[in-house]
Amino acid sequence: MKLIVFDVDGTLVDSQHLIVAAQGMAFAEHGLAAPSRTESLSVVGLSLPQAFRRLVGEDGPIEGLSESYKRAFNILRLDPNYEEPLFPGMGELVARLHARDDVRLGIATGKARRGVDRLIETHGWTGWFATTQSADDAPSKPDPAMLVQAMAAAGAEPGATVMIGDTTYDMAMAVSAGVAAIGVAWGYHPVGALFGAGASIVVDSAADLGALFPGPARDPA
């Protein structure tokens, strides 16, 4: 049985506009100049305190920015202009993998548990994932705890586990946990950086990603 673990932001969903806008609102609330789009996206994948620590330093208002960001995010996500669509083909790929009896699915994300639950409900994925690891469940990436916990929950060994993500944090987490690291080129970190962090391969499309996991669907009978 193979365990395939997905990152969320930048891998399954394109949330960049919402993330950048929410960061801008949070920084404005604290009288700070907003980071550039590149800076904002460079910390996607980290838990909020770690992300803001990188953006403002240890002496910055890390806790305040985290709380402000959560409020801004929850306001903006109701605005159609900040929709978080699935990347092309990813919904279909998740469905195909879910339909197989030799695969178990997981999520490992810097999102809070509430955000993970909302994602799953929005896309009709309830019951599809054997394990969902969030910022509320483990230390921030690249600490391997999320993957260690995911494997324990799904009964999977490192040799049968794959981590799919778009950031160096995902790749480094996978390497630390002893699992295969697959990068996606449509996310928020450069392809070269993904390879540098330990990616064994970086794919350009959902179709290319799906081709890495050939196998039959579950018998509907």
C-alpha atoms as a PDB file:
ATOM      1  CA  MET A   1       0.000   0.000   0.000  1.00  0.00           C
ATOM      2  CA  LYS A   2       1.422   3.367  -1.064  1.00  0.00           C
ATOM      3  CA  LEU A   3       0.804   6.556   0.938  1.00  0.00           C
ATOM      4  CA  ILE A   4       0.719   9.701  -1.223  1.00  0.00           C
ATOM      5  CA  VAL A   5       0.822  12.896   0.829  1.00  0.00           C
ATOM      6  CA  PHE A   6      -0.076  16.252  -0.725  1.00  0.00           C
ATOM      7  CA  ASP A   7       0.800  19.766   0.318  1.00  0.00           C
ATOM      8  CA  VAL A   8      -2.105  22.203  -0.163  1.00  0.00           C
ATOM      9  CA  ASP A   9      -1.188  25.820  -1.016  1.00  0.00           C
ATOM     10  CA  GLY A  10       0.738  25.948  -4.281  1.00  0.00           C
ATOM     11  CA  THR A  11       0.264  22.213  -4.889  1.00  0.00           C
ATOM     12  CA  LEU A  12      -3.457  21.427  -4.810  1.00  0.00           C
ATOM     13  CA  VAL A  13      -4.885  24.960  -4.712  1.00  0.00           C
ATOM     14  CA  ASP A  14      -3.755  28.290  -6.118  1.00  0.00           C
ATOM     15  CA  SER A  15      -4.125  30.529  -3.081  1.00  0.00           C
ATOM     16  CA  GLN A  16      -1.445  33.093  -3.873  1.00  0.00           C
ATOM     17  CA  HIS A  17      -3.737  36.112  -4.365  1.00  0.00           C
ATOM     18  CA  LEU A  18      -5.541  35.472  -1.092  1.00  0.00           C
ATOM     19  CA  ILE A  19      -2.306  34.890   0.818  1.00  0.00           C
ATOM     20  CA  VAL A  20      -0.604  38.029  -0.500  1.00  0.00           C
ATOM     21  CA  ALA A  21      -3.662  40.201   0.158  1.00  0.00           C
ATOM     22  CA  ALA A  22      -4.141  38.833   3.673  1.00  0.00           C
ATOM     23  CA  GLN A  23      -0.488  39.432   4.480  1.00  0.00           C
ATOM     24  CA  GLY A  24      -0.810  42.990   3.189  1.00  0.00           C
ATOM     25  CA  MET A  25      -3.802  43.642   5.447  1.00  0.00           C
ATOM     26  CA  ALA A  26      -2.015  42.134   8.441  1.00  0.00           C
ATOM     27  CA  PHE A  27       1.083  44.257   7.925  1.00  0.00           C
ATOM     28  CA  ALA A  28      -0.996  47.405   7.451  1.00  0.00           C
ATOM     29  CA  GLU A  29      -2.820  46.717  10.721  1.00  0.00           C
ATOM     30  CA  HIS A  30       0.555  46.831  12.476  1.00  0.00           C
ATOM     31  CA  GLY A  31       1.826  49.891  10.603  1.00  0.00           C
ATOM     32  CA  LEU A  32       4.363  47.913   8.624  1.00  0.00           C
ATOM     33  CA  ALA A  33       5.200  47.989   4.926  1.00  0.00           C
ATOM     34  CA  ALA A  34       3.870  44.867   3.237  1.00  0.00           C
ATOM     35  CA  PRO A  35       6.389  42.365   1.873  1.00  0.00           C
ATOM     36  CA  SER A  36       6.746  42.021  -1.872  1.00  0.00           C
ATOM     37  CA  ARG A  37       4.770  39.297  -3.631  1.00  0.00           C
ATOM     38  CA  THR A  38       7.972  37.277  -3.982  1.00  0.00           C
ATOM     39  CA  GLU A  39       8.695  37.606  -0.266  1.00  0.00           C
ATOM     40  CA  SER A  40       5.105  36.705   0.621  1.00  0.00           C
ATOM     41  CA  LEU A  41       5.125  33.568  -1.481  1.00  0.00           C
ATOM     42  CA  SER A  42       8.580  32.515  -0.296  1.00  0.00           C
ATOM     43  CA  VAL A  43       7.153  31.632   3.134  1.00  0.00           C
ATOM     44  CA  VAL A  44       4.064  29.745   1.910  1.00  0.00           C
ATOM     45  CA  GLY A  45       4.125  26.298   3.459  1.00  0.00           C
ATOM     46  CA  LEU A  46       5.440  27.408   6.831  1.00  0.00           C
ATOM     47  CA  SER A  47       3.175  27.713   9.836  1.00  0.00           C
ATOM     48  CA  LEU A  48       2.188  31.338  10.491  1.00  0.00           C
ATOM     49  CA  PRO A  49       4.602  32.135  13.347  1.00  0.00           C
ATOM     50  CA  GLN A  50       7.536  30.730  11.380  1.00  0.00           C
ATOM     51  CA  ALA A  51       6.442  32.569   8.233  1.00  0.00           C
ATOM     52  CA  PHE A  52       6.210  35.944   9.960  1.00  0.00           C
ATOM     53  CA  ARG A  53       9.431  35.319  11.858  1.00  0.00           C
ATOM     54  CA  ARG A  54      11.165  35.052   8.493  1.00  0.00           C
ATOM     55  CA  LEU A  55       9.461  38.189   7.195  1.00  0.00           C
ATOM     56  CA  VAL A  56       9.966  40.509  10.186  1.00  0.00           C
ATOM     57  CA  GLY A  57      12.623  38.845  12.327  1.00  0.00           C
ATOM     58  CA  GLU A  58      12.556  37.536  15.872  1.00  0.00           C
ATOM     59  CA  ASP A  59      11.821  40.968  17.344  1.00  0.00           C
ATOM     60  CA  GLY A  60       8.810  41.693  15.127  1.00  0.00           C
ATOM     61  CA  PRO A  61       5.141  41.428  16.183  1.00  0.00           C
ATOM     62  CA  ILE A  62       4.949  37.759  15.205  1.00  0.00           C
ATOM     63  CA  GLU A  63       1.952  36.787  17.307  1.00  0.00           C
ATOM     64  CA  GLY A  64       0.040  39.940  16.376  1.00  0.00           C
ATOM     65  CA  LEU A  65       0.706  39.481  12.671  1.00  0.00           C
ATOM     66  CA  SER A  66      -0.424  35.863  12.895  1.00  0.00           C
ATOM     67  CA  GLU A  67      -3.733  36.839  14.473  1.00  0.00           C
ATOM     68  CA  SER A  68      -4.246  39.723  12.047  1.00  0.00           C
ATOM     69  CA  TYR A  69      -3.534  37.442   9.116  1.00  0.00           C
ATOM     70  CA  LYS A  70      -6.114  34.902  10.283  1.00  0.00           C
ATOM     71  CA  ARG A  71      -8.774  37.613  10.530  1.00  0.00           C
ATOM     72  CA  ALA A  72      -7.888  39.062   7.124  1.00  0.00           C
ATOM     73  CA  PHE A  73      -7.812  35.626   5.510  1.00  0.00           C
ATOM     74  CA  ASN A  74     -11.266  34.737   6.820  1.00  0.00           C
ATOM     75  CA  ILE A  75     -12.669  38.025   5.520  1.00  0.00           C
ATOM     76  CA  LEU A  76     -11.056  37.822   2.090  1.00  0.00           C
ATOM     77  CA  ARG A  77     -11.900  34.176   1.429  1.00  0.00           C
ATOM     78  CA  LEU A  78     -15.569  35.211   1.208  1.00  0.00           C
ATOM     79  CA  ASP A  79     -14.721  37.588  -1.654  1.00  0.00           C
ATOM     80  CA  PRO A  80     -15.036  35.923  -5.109  1.00  0.00           C
ATOM     81  CA  ASN A  81     -12.011  37.930  -6.228  1.00  0.00           C
ATOM     82  CA  TYR A  82      -9.880  35.818  -3.900  1.00  0.00           C
ATOM     83  CA  GLU A  83     -11.122  32.379  -4.870  1.00  0.00           C
ATOM     84  CA  GLU A  84      -8.723  29.482  -4.233  1.00  0.00           C
ATOM     85  CA  PRO A  85      -9.142  27.258  -7.311  1.00  0.00           C
ATOM     86  CA  LEU A  86      -7.621  23.834  -7.681  1.00  0.00           C
ATOM     87  CA  PHE A  87      -4.713  23.771 -10.081  1.00  0.00           C
ATOM     88  CA  PRO A  88      -5.629  22.278 -13.480  1.00  0.00           C
ATOM     89  CA  GLY A  89      -6.112  18.539 -13.323  1.00  0.00           C
ATOM     90  CA  MET A  90      -5.458  18.176  -9.603  1.00  0.00           C
ATOM     91  CA  GLY A  91      -9.069  17.496  -8.652  1.00  0.00           C
ATOM     92  CA  GLU A  92      -9.282  14.731 -11.220  1.00  0.00           C
ATOM     93  CA  LEU A  93      -5.940  13.276 -10.109  1.00  0.00           C
ATOM     94  CA  VAL A  94      -6.975  13.159  -6.450  1.00  0.00           C
ATOM     95  CA  ALA A  95     -10.219  11.432  -7.474  1.00  0.00           C
ATOM     96  CA  ARG A  96      -8.364   8.826  -9.560  1.00  0.00           C
ATOM     97  CA  LEU A  97      -5.931   8.062  -6.779  1.00  0.00           C
ATOM     98  CA  HIS A  98      -8.745   7.856  -4.223  1.00  0.00           C
ATOM     99  CA  ALA A  99     -10.472   5.270  -6.456  1.00  0.00           C
ATOM    100  CA  ARG A 100      -7.510   2.891  -6.217  1.00  0.00           C
ATOM    101  CA  ASP A 101      -7.304   0.145  -3.635  1.00  0.00           C
ATOM    102  CA  ASP A 102      -3.490   0.159  -3.534  1.00  0.00           C
ATOM    103  CA  VAL A 103      -3.173   3.839  -2.552  1.00  0.00           C
ATOM    104  CA  ARG A 104      -3.918   5.837   0.578  1.00  0.00           C
ATOM    105  CA  LEU A 105      -3.978   9.626   0.490  1.00  0.00           C
ATOM    106  CA  GLY A 106      -2.747  12.173   2.995  1.00  0.00           C
ATOM    107  CA  ILE A 107      -2.357  15.925   3.467  1.00  0.00           C
ATOM    108  CA  ALA A 108       0.512  17.759   5.165  1.00  0.00           C
ATOM    109  CA  THR A 109       0.096  21.535   5.195  1.00  0.00           C
ATOM    110  CA  GLY A 110       0.987  24.715   7.025  1.00  0.00           C
ATOM    111  CA  LYS A 111      -2.712  25.588   7.007  1.00  0.00           C
ATOM    112  CA  ALA A 112      -4.651  25.458  10.265  1.00  0.00           C
ATOM    113  CA  ARG A 113      -6.958  22.505  10.876  1.00  0.00           C
ATOM    114  CA  ARG A 114      -9.988  24.674  10.110  1.00  0.00           C
ATOM    115  CA  GLY A 115      -8.594  25.490   6.687  1.00  0.00           C
ATOM    116  CA  VAL A 116      -7.930  21.825   5.930  1.00  0.00           C
ATOM    117  CA  ASP A 117     -11.446  20.844   6.945  1.00  0.00           C
ATOM    118  CA  ARG A 118     -12.903  23.618   4.779  1.00  0.00           C
ATOM    119  CA  LEU A 119     -10.826  22.501   1.773  1.00  0.00           C
ATOM    120  CA  ILE A 120     -11.991  18.901   2.119  1.00  0.00           C
ATOM    121  CA  GLU A 121     -15.635  19.874   2.508  1.00  0.00           C
ATOM    122  CA  THR A 122     -15.524  22.349  -0.394  1.00  0.00           C
ATOM    123  CA  HIS A 123     -14.239  19.765  -2.858  1.00  0.00           C
ATOM    124  CA  GLY A 124     -16.310  16.812  -1.665  1.00  0.00           C
ATOM    125  CA  TRP A 125     -13.282  14.960  -0.342  1.00  0.00           C
ATOM    126  CA  THR A 126     -14.748  13.920   3.005  1.00  0.00           C
ATOM    127  CA  GLY A 127     -13.383  10.516   3.960  1.00  0.00           C
ATOM    128  CA  TRP A 128     -10.864  10.456   1.109  1.00  0.00           C
ATOM    129  CA  PHE A 129      -7.710  11.060   3.168  1.00  0.00           C
ATOM    130  CA  ALA A 130      -6.301   8.492   5.556  1.00  0.00           C
ATOM    131  CA  THR A 131      -4.420  11.252   7.369  1.00  0.00           C
ATOM    132  CA  THR A 132      -4.493  15.064   7.413  1.00  0.00           C
ATOM    133  CA  GLN A 133      -1.667  16.896   9.155  1.00  0.00           C
ATOM    134  CA  SER A 134      -1.980  20.644   9.745  1.00  0.00           C
ATOM    135  CA  ALA A 135      -0.231  23.489  11.550  1.00  0.00           C
ATOM    136  CA  ASP A 136      -2.319  22.585  14.602  1.00  0.00           C
ATOM    137  CA  ASP A 137      -1.012  19.016  14.686  1.00  0.00           C
ATOM    138  CA  ALA A 138       2.769  19.248  14.398  1.00  0.00           C
ATOM    139  CA  PRO A 139       5.759  21.599  14.222  1.00  0.00           C
ATOM    140  CA  SER A 140       6.141  23.632  11.054  1.00  0.00           C
ATOM    141  CA  LYS A 141       7.759  22.231   7.952  1.00  0.00           C
ATOM    142  CA  PRO A 142      10.560  21.343   7.285  1.00  0.00           C
ATOM    143  CA  ASP A 143      10.397  19.443  10.579  1.00  0.00           C
ATOM    144  CA  PRO A 144       9.547  15.829   9.618  1.00  0.00           C
ATOM    145  CA  ALA A 145       6.868  15.438  12.329  1.00  0.00           C
ATOM    146  CA  MET A 146       3.910  15.852   9.952  1.00  0.00           C
ATOM    147  CA  LEU A 147       5.113  13.012   7.759  1.00  0.00           C
ATOM    148  CA  VAL A 148       6.100  10.823  10.690  1.00  0.00           C
ATOM    149  CA  GLN A 149       2.605  11.251  12.129  1.00  0.00           C
ATOM    150  CA  ALA A 150       1.004  10.728   8.709  1.00  0.00           C
ATOM    151  CA  MET A 151       2.807   7.427   8.230  1.00  0.00           C
ATOM    152  CA  ALA A 152       1.870   6.262  11.709  1.00  0.00           C
ATOM    153  CA  ALA A 153      -1.791   7.163  11.141  1.00  0.00           C
ATOM    154  CA  ALA A 154      -1.919   5.434   7.749  1.00  0.00           C
ATOM    155  CA  GLY A 155       0.195   2.433   8.693  1.00  0.00           C
ATOM    156  CA  ALA A 156       2.750   3.211   5.982  1.00  0.00           C
ATOM    157  CA  GLU A 157       6.511   2.747   5.849  1.00  0.00           C
ATOM    158  CA  PRO A 158       8.887   5.476   4.578  1.00  0.00           C
ATOM    159  CA  GLY A 159       9.776   3.374   1.546  1.00  0.00           C
ATOM    160  CA  ALA A 160       6.124   3.299   0.489  1.00  0.00           C
ATOM    161  CA  THR A 161       5.454   7.003   1.139  1.00  0.00           C
ATOM    162  CA  VAL A 162       5.690   9.974  -1.215  1.00  0.00           C
ATOM    163  CA  MET A 163       5.475  13.687  -0.411  1.00  0.00           C
ATOM    164  CA  ILE A 164       4.235  15.987  -3.180  1.00  0.00           C
ATOM    165  CA  GLY A 165       4.760  19.723  -2.761  1.00  0.00           C
ATOM    166  CA  ASP A 166       5.777  22.999  -4.329  1.00  0.00           C
ATOM    167  CA  THR A 167       8.237  24.391  -1.782  1.00  0.00           C
ATOM    168  CA  THR A 168      11.693  23.649  -0.492  1.00  0.00           C
ATOM    169  CA  TYR A 169      10.091  23.116   2.929  1.00  0.00           C
ATOM    170  CA  ASP A 170       8.089  20.185   1.537  1.00  0.00           C
ATOM    171  CA  MET A 171      11.152  18.649  -0.064  1.00  0.00           C
ATOM    172  CA  ALA A 172      13.338  19.086   3.024  1.00  0.00           C
ATOM    173  CA  MET A 173      10.594  17.623   5.241  1.00  0.00           C
ATOM    174  CA  ALA A 174      10.386  14.571   2.987  1.00  0.00           C
ATOM    175  CA  VAL A 175      14.150  14.057   3.037  1.00  0.00           C
ATOM    176  CA  SER A 176      14.225  14.354   6.833  1.00  0.00           C
ATOM    177  CA  ALA A 177      11.416  11.791   7.124  1.00  0.00           C
ATOM    178  CA  GLY A 178      13.136   9.384   4.730  1.00  0.00           C
ATOM    179  CA  VAL A 179      10.384   9.481   2.105  1.00  0.00           C
ATOM    180  CA  ALA A 180      10.427  10.256  -1.623  1.00  0.00           C
ATOM    181  CA  ALA A 181      10.122  13.950  -2.487  1.00  0.00           C
ATOM    182  CA  ILE A 182       8.268  14.999  -5.655  1.00  0.00           C
ATOM    183  CA  GLY A 183       8.099  18.676  -6.574  1.00  0.00           C
ATOM    184  CA  VAL A 184       5.536  20.467  -8.720  1.00  0.00           C
ATOM    185  CA  ALA A 185       6.663  23.275 -11.015  1.00  0.00           C
ATOM    186  CA  TRP A 186       3.430  25.320 -10.853  1.00  0.00           C
ATOM    187  CA  GLY A 187       3.828  26.421  -7.241  1.00  0.00           C
ATOM    188  CA  TYR A 188       5.664  29.132  -5.362  1.00  0.00           C
ATOM    189  CA  HIS A 189       9.335  28.051  -5.243  1.00  0.00           C
ATOM    190  CA  PRO A 190      11.701  27.778  -8.244  1.00  0.00           C
ATOM    191  CA  VAL A 191      12.322  24.374  -9.770  1.00  0.00           C
ATOM    192  CA  GLY A 192      16.052  24.602  -9.139  1.00  0.00           C
ATOM    193  CA  ALA A 193      15.443  25.254  -5.455  1.00  0.00           C
ATOM    194  CA  LEU A 194      13.188  22.188  -5.246  1.00  0.00           C
ATOM    195  CA  PHE A 195      15.939  19.967  -6.634  1.00  0.00           C
ATOM    196  CA  GLY A 196      18.426  21.616  -4.298  1.00  0.00           C
ATOM    197  CA  ALA A 197      16.201  20.776  -1.323  1.00  0.00           C
ATOM    198  CA  GLY A 198      16.012  17.107  -2.249  1.00  0.00           C
ATOM    199  CA  ALA A 199      13.327  16.615  -4.908  1.00  0.00           C
ATOM    200  CA  SER A 200      13.895  13.421  -6.849  1.00  0.00           C
ATOM    201  CA  ILE A 201      11.766  14.741  -9.708  1.00  0.00           C
ATOM    202  CA  VAL A 202       9.796  17.919 -10.484  1.00  0.00           C
ATOM    203  CA  VAL A 203       6.710  17.590 -12.687  1.00  0.00           C
ATOM    204  CA  ASP A 204       5.177  20.212 -14.959  1.00  0.00           C
ATOM    205  CA  SER A 205       1.530  19.120 -14.918  1.00  0.00           C
ATOM    206  CA  ALA A 206      -1.046  17.014 -13.103  1.00  0.00           C
ATOM    207  CA  ALA A 207      -0.898  14.565 -16.016  1.00  0.00           C
ATOM    208  CA  ASP A 208       2.855  14.135 -15.545  1.00  0.00           C
ATOM    209  CA  LEU A 209       2.308  13.663 -11.832  1.00  0.00           C
ATOM    210  CA  GLY A 210      -0.372  11.044 -12.384  1.00  0.00           C
ATOM    211  CA  ALA A 211       1.926   9.142 -14.747  1.00  0.00           C
ATOM    212  CA  LEU A 212       4.255   8.504 -11.817  1.00  0.00           C
ATOM    213  CA  PHE A 213       1.539   6.391 -10.173  1.00  0.00           C
ATOM    214  CA  PRO A 214       0.259   3.887 -12.745  1.00  0.00           C
ATOM    215  CA  GLY A 215      -2.209   1.328 -11.571  1.00  0.00           C
ATOM    216  CA  PRO A 216      -5.799   0.142 -11.754  1.00  0.00           C
ATOM    217  CA  ALA A 217      -8.822   1.823 -10.179  1.00  0.00           C
ATOM    218  CA  ARG A 218     -10.812   0.048  -7.479  1.00  0.00           C
ATOM    219  CA  ASP A 219     -13.298  -2.488  -8.771  1.00  0.00           C
ATOM    220  CA  PRO A 220     -16.717  -0.767  -8.465  1.00  0.00           C
ATOM    221  CA  ALA A 221     -18.320  -4.121  -7.685  1.00  0.00           C
END
